[in-house]
Amino acid sequence: MRIHIATDHAGMELSAFLVTELSSLGHTLIDHGPKVYDAFDDYPGFCIAAAQAVVADQLAGVDALGIVLGGSGNGEQIAANKVKGVRAALIWNVDTAALARDHNDANVCALGARQHSQQEVLELVKIFIGKDFSNDERHVRRIGKIASFEQTGEIVY
């Protein structure tokens, strides 16, 4: 699987760890930065670039997901979710990692580098990337309503 990853200064060490670990498991990692540590960098550009790459890959038929990292993961999730076609989920435990894929067909996960150990994050990411969408009708319907709003701006209840 191709995995796009991005962070800010708070997640650089974790990002490097994940690139190494996930690559060793056979995944192709694309690092969207930053390339050098800057305590004053801003995460939106890095996370948006990774999210755009996930959508582009998926539209091209490439099996791809994304990971965005920051101190809490909250801002990074918000930034990624601004990209049309992205469903980014903040994951913080085993259940949220699995349900993000199973129920929401999330294509990007967000994690807080200051919230978990490297091993905890690796476990959560492995669950996220290893889980498939259930294709349960109710979940398909709900995701369709979100996509419809994204396209038209009209709310469907």
C-alpha atoms as a PDB file:
ATOM      1  CA  MET A   1       0.000   0.000   0.000  1.00  0.00           C
ATOM      2  CA  ARG A   2       1.138   3.555  -0.671  1.00  0.00           C
ATOM      3  CA  ILE A   3       0.996   5.692   2.451  1.00  0.00           C
ATOM      4  CA  HIS A   4       1.320   9.464   2.396  1.00  0.00           C
ATOM      5  CA  ILE A   5       2.614  10.938   5.647  1.00  0.00           C
ATOM      6  CA  ALA A   6       2.974  14.512   6.878  1.00  0.00           C
ATOM      7  CA  THR A   7       3.627  16.235  10.159  1.00  0.00           C
ATOM      8  CA  ASP A   8       4.872  19.394  11.754  1.00  0.00           C
ATOM      9  CA  HIS A   9       7.856  19.830  14.066  1.00  0.00           C
ATOM     10  CA  ALA A  10       6.047  18.038  16.921  1.00  0.00           C
ATOM     11  CA  GLY A  11       5.766  14.791  14.981  1.00  0.00           C
ATOM     12  CA  MET A  12       9.027  14.650  13.047  1.00  0.00           C
ATOM     13  CA  GLU A  13      10.641  11.944  15.166  1.00  0.00           C
ATOM     14  CA  LEU A  14       7.444   9.878  15.112  1.00  0.00           C
ATOM     15  CA  SER A  15       7.080  10.375  11.366  1.00  0.00           C
ATOM     16  CA  ALA A  16      10.621   9.111  10.739  1.00  0.00           C
ATOM     17  CA  PHE A  17       9.915   6.106  12.976  1.00  0.00           C
ATOM     18  CA  LEU A  18       6.709   5.287  11.082  1.00  0.00           C
ATOM     19  CA  VAL A  19       8.398   5.649   7.699  1.00  0.00           C
ATOM     20  CA  THR A  20      11.036   3.119   8.764  1.00  0.00           C
ATOM     21  CA  GLU A  21       8.643   0.680  10.428  1.00  0.00           C
ATOM     22  CA  LEU A  22       5.926   0.742   7.767  1.00  0.00           C
ATOM     23  CA  SER A  23       8.476   0.520   4.941  1.00  0.00           C
ATOM     24  CA  SER A  24       9.908  -2.596   6.580  1.00  0.00           C
ATOM     25  CA  LEU A  25       6.405  -4.104   6.389  1.00  0.00           C
ATOM     26  CA  GLY A  26       6.375  -3.602   2.623  1.00  0.00           C
ATOM     27  CA  HIS A  27       4.457  -0.339   2.354  1.00  0.00           C
ATOM     28  CA  THR A  28       5.592   2.527   0.134  1.00  0.00           C
ATOM     29  CA  LEU A  29       5.865   5.708   2.191  1.00  0.00           C
ATOM     30  CA  ILE A  30       5.732   9.162   0.629  1.00  0.00           C
ATOM     31  CA  ASP A  31       6.905  11.823   3.075  1.00  0.00           C
ATOM     32  CA  HIS A  32       5.276  15.227   2.525  1.00  0.00           C
ATOM     33  CA  GLY A  33       7.426  16.934   5.106  1.00  0.00           C
ATOM     34  CA  PRO A  34       8.748  18.846   6.670  1.00  0.00           C
ATOM     35  CA  LYS A  35      12.269  17.886   5.691  1.00  0.00           C
ATOM     36  CA  VAL A  36      14.064  19.868   8.411  1.00  0.00           C
ATOM     37  CA  TYR A  37      13.113  20.711  11.973  1.00  0.00           C
ATOM     38  CA  ASP A  38      11.638  24.173  12.466  1.00  0.00           C
ATOM     39  CA  ALA A  39       9.914  24.793  15.802  1.00  0.00           C
ATOM     40  CA  PHE A  40       7.858  27.534  14.133  1.00  0.00           C
ATOM     41  CA  ASP A  41       6.641  25.610  11.095  1.00  0.00           C
ATOM     42  CA  ASP A  42       2.959  25.363  10.236  1.00  0.00           C
ATOM     43  CA  TYR A  43       1.287  21.992   9.651  1.00  0.00           C
ATOM     44  CA  PRO A  44      -1.516  22.908   7.201  1.00  0.00           C
ATOM     45  CA  GLY A  45       0.558  22.870   4.012  1.00  0.00           C
ATOM     46  CA  PHE A  46       2.229  19.554   4.791  1.00  0.00           C
ATOM     47  CA  CYS A  47      -1.039  17.872   5.790  1.00  0.00           C
ATOM     48  CA  ILE A  48      -3.020  19.268   2.874  1.00  0.00           C
ATOM     49  CA  ALA A  49      -0.348  18.082   0.425  1.00  0.00           C
ATOM     50  CA  ALA A  50      -0.475  14.560   1.873  1.00  0.00           C
ATOM     51  CA  ALA A  51      -4.286  14.531   1.787  1.00  0.00           C
ATOM     52  CA  GLN A  52      -4.338  15.719  -1.824  1.00  0.00           C
ATOM     53  CA  ALA A  53      -1.910  12.952  -2.762  1.00  0.00           C
ATOM     54  CA  VAL A  54      -4.137  10.327  -1.127  1.00  0.00           C
ATOM     55  CA  VAL A  55      -7.160  11.512  -3.111  1.00  0.00           C
ATOM     56  CA  ALA A  56      -5.161  11.680  -6.360  1.00  0.00           C
ATOM     57  CA  ASP A  57      -3.850   8.155  -5.830  1.00  0.00           C
ATOM     58  CA  GLN A  58      -7.260   6.755  -4.971  1.00  0.00           C
ATOM     59  CA  LEU A  59      -8.820   8.404  -8.036  1.00  0.00           C
ATOM     60  CA  ALA A  60      -6.066   6.790 -10.120  1.00  0.00           C
ATOM     61  CA  GLY A  61      -6.876   3.368  -8.648  1.00  0.00           C
ATOM     62  CA  VAL A  62      -3.844   3.218  -6.367  1.00  0.00           C
ATOM     63  CA  ASP A  63      -4.352   1.592  -2.967  1.00  0.00           C
ATOM     64  CA  ALA A  64      -3.392   4.550  -0.768  1.00  0.00           C
ATOM     65  CA  LEU A  65      -4.031   6.003   2.672  1.00  0.00           C
ATOM     66  CA  GLY A  66      -2.621   8.919   4.640  1.00  0.00           C
ATOM     67  CA  ILE A  67      -1.216   9.667   8.071  1.00  0.00           C
ATOM     68  CA  VAL A  68      -0.997  13.182   9.499  1.00  0.00           C
ATOM     69  CA  LEU A  69       0.790  13.877  12.755  1.00  0.00           C
ATOM     70  CA  GLY A  70       1.111  16.782  15.134  1.00  0.00           C
ATOM     71  CA  GLY A  71       1.200  17.468  18.846  1.00  0.00           C
ATOM     72  CA  SER A  72      -2.448  16.497  19.294  1.00  0.00           C
ATOM     73  CA  GLY A  73      -3.473  15.524  15.765  1.00  0.00           C
ATOM     74  CA  ASN A  74      -6.502  17.808  15.933  1.00  0.00           C
ATOM     75  CA  GLY A  75      -5.316  20.619  13.689  1.00  0.00           C
ATOM     76  CA  GLU A  76      -3.782  18.171  11.270  1.00  0.00           C
ATOM     77  CA  GLN A  77      -7.095  16.328  10.970  1.00  0.00           C
ATOM     78  CA  ILE A  78      -8.913  19.604  10.355  1.00  0.00           C
ATOM     79  CA  ALA A  79      -6.444  20.613   7.640  1.00  0.00           C
ATOM     80  CA  ALA A  80      -6.643  17.232   5.893  1.00  0.00           C
ATOM     81  CA  ASN A  81     -10.444  17.313   5.976  1.00  0.00           C
ATOM     82  CA  LYS A  82     -10.444  20.525   3.931  1.00  0.00           C
ATOM     83  CA  VAL A  83      -9.347  18.479   0.908  1.00  0.00           C
ATOM     84  CA  LYS A  84     -12.295  17.339  -1.197  1.00  0.00           C
ATOM     85  CA  GLY A  85     -12.590  13.562  -0.983  1.00  0.00           C
ATOM     86  CA  VAL A  86     -10.750  13.178   2.307  1.00  0.00           C
ATOM     87  CA  ARG A  87     -12.288  11.576   5.349  1.00  0.00           C
ATOM     88  CA  ALA A  88      -9.664  12.114   8.040  1.00  0.00           C
ATOM     89  CA  ALA A  89     -10.250  10.602  11.466  1.00  0.00           C
ATOM     90  CA  LEU A  90      -8.456  11.375  14.706  1.00  0.00           C
ATOM     91  CA  ILE A  91      -7.530   8.010  16.160  1.00  0.00           C
ATOM     92  CA  TRP A  92      -6.477   7.582  19.769  1.00  0.00           C
ATOM     93  CA  ASN A  93      -7.271   3.986  20.674  1.00  0.00           C
ATOM     94  CA  VAL A  94      -7.782   0.575  19.093  1.00  0.00           C
ATOM     95  CA  ASP A  95     -11.518   1.084  18.618  1.00  0.00           C
ATOM     96  CA  THR A  96     -11.251   4.491  16.931  1.00  0.00           C
ATOM     97  CA  ALA A  97      -8.533   3.158  14.635  1.00  0.00           C
ATOM     98  CA  ALA A  98     -10.684   0.220  13.505  1.00  0.00           C
ATOM     99  CA  LEU A  99     -13.994   2.085  13.334  1.00  0.00           C
ATOM    100  CA  ALA A 100     -12.516   4.925  11.289  1.00  0.00           C
ATOM    101  CA  ARG A 101     -12.005   2.442   8.460  1.00  0.00           C
ATOM    102  CA  ASP A 102     -14.858   0.003   9.161  1.00  0.00           C
ATOM    103  CA  HIS A 103     -17.655   2.581   9.542  1.00  0.00           C
ATOM    104  CA  ASN A 104     -16.331   5.760   7.938  1.00  0.00           C
ATOM    105  CA  ASP A 105     -14.028   4.487   5.209  1.00  0.00           C
ATOM    106  CA  ALA A 106     -11.530   7.072   6.471  1.00  0.00           C
ATOM    107  CA  ASN A 107      -8.646   7.494   4.056  1.00  0.00           C
ATOM    108  CA  VAL A 108      -6.439   9.567   6.371  1.00  0.00           C
ATOM    109  CA  CYS A 109      -5.736   9.071  10.056  1.00  0.00           C
ATOM    110  CA  ALA A 110      -4.529  11.784  12.406  1.00  0.00           C
ATOM    111  CA  LEU A 111      -2.553  11.121  15.568  1.00  0.00           C
ATOM    112  CA  GLY A 112      -1.021  13.160  18.348  1.00  0.00           C
ATOM    113  CA  ALA A 113       2.713  12.638  18.672  1.00  0.00           C
ATOM    114  CA  ARG A 114       2.611  14.085  22.188  1.00  0.00           C
ATOM    115  CA  GLN A 115      -0.237  11.799  23.218  1.00  0.00           C
ATOM    116  CA  HIS A 116       1.197   8.327  22.590  1.00  0.00           C
ATOM    117  CA  SER A 117       4.429   6.367  22.541  1.00  0.00           C
ATOM    118  CA  GLN A 118       5.915   5.368  19.207  1.00  0.00           C
ATOM    119  CA  GLN A 119       4.861   1.758  19.758  1.00  0.00           C
ATOM    120  CA  GLU A 120       1.280   2.786  20.572  1.00  0.00           C
ATOM    121  CA  VAL A 121       1.092   4.868  17.402  1.00  0.00           C
ATOM    122  CA  LEU A 122       2.532   2.035  15.333  1.00  0.00           C
ATOM    123  CA  GLU A 123      -0.113  -0.335  16.715  1.00  0.00           C
ATOM    124  CA  LEU A 124      -2.926   2.137  15.956  1.00  0.00           C
ATOM    125  CA  VAL A 125      -1.657   2.815  12.435  1.00  0.00           C
ATOM    126  CA  LYS A 126      -1.308  -0.899  11.707  1.00  0.00           C
ATOM    127  CA  ILE A 127      -4.928  -1.397  12.752  1.00  0.00           C
ATOM    128  CA  PHE A 128      -6.042   1.559  10.614  1.00  0.00           C
ATOM    129  CA  ILE A 129      -4.227   0.474   7.462  1.00  0.00           C
ATOM    130  CA  GLY A 130      -5.071  -3.191   7.986  1.00  0.00           C
ATOM    131  CA  LYS A 131      -8.816  -2.682   8.272  1.00  0.00           C
ATOM    132  CA  ASP A 132     -11.197  -2.570   5.334  1.00  0.00           C
ATOM    133  CA  PHE A 133     -14.415  -0.612   4.966  1.00  0.00           C
ATOM    134  CA  SER A 134     -17.427  -2.759   5.888  1.00  0.00           C
ATOM    135  CA  ASN A 135     -19.520  -1.636   2.897  1.00  0.00           C
ATOM    136  CA  ASP A 136     -22.514  -1.924   5.225  1.00  0.00           C
ATOM    137  CA  GLU A 137     -25.432  -0.124   3.559  1.00  0.00           C
ATOM    138  CA  ARG A 138     -25.959   2.320   6.436  1.00  0.00           C
ATOM    139  CA  HIS A 139     -22.322   3.396   6.335  1.00  0.00           C
ATOM    140  CA  VAL A 140     -22.310   3.682   2.544  1.00  0.00           C
ATOM    141  CA  ARG A 141     -25.464   5.825   2.790  1.00  0.00           C
ATOM    142  CA  ARG A 142     -23.967   8.135   5.418  1.00  0.00           C
ATOM    143  CA  ILE A 143     -20.696   8.596   3.553  1.00  0.00           C
ATOM    144  CA  GLY A 144     -22.748   9.315   0.432  1.00  0.00           C
ATOM    145  CA  LYS A 145     -24.569  12.104   2.250  1.00  0.00           C
ATOM    146  CA  ILE A 146     -21.262  13.645   3.283  1.00  0.00           C
ATOM    147  CA  ALA A 147     -19.947  13.400  -0.281  1.00  0.00           C
ATOM    148  CA  SER A 148     -23.153  14.927  -1.618  1.00  0.00           C
ATOM    149  CA  PHE A 149     -22.795  17.901   0.720  1.00  0.00           C
ATOM    150  CA  GLU A 150     -19.176  18.257  -0.306  1.00  0.00           C
ATOM    151  CA  GLN A 151     -20.261  18.446  -3.966  1.00  0.00           C
ATOM    152  CA  THR A 152     -23.444  20.513  -3.727  1.00  0.00           C
ATOM    153  CA  GLY A 153     -23.428  22.274  -0.363  1.00  0.00           C
ATOM    154  CA  GLU A 154     -26.925  20.922   0.257  1.00  0.00           C
ATOM    155  CA  ILE A 155     -27.749  18.991   3.402  1.00  0.00           C
ATOM    156  CA  VAL A 156     -29.438  15.619   2.903  1.00  0.00           C
ATOM    157  CA  TYR A 157     -31.077  14.180   6.005  1.00  0.00           C
END
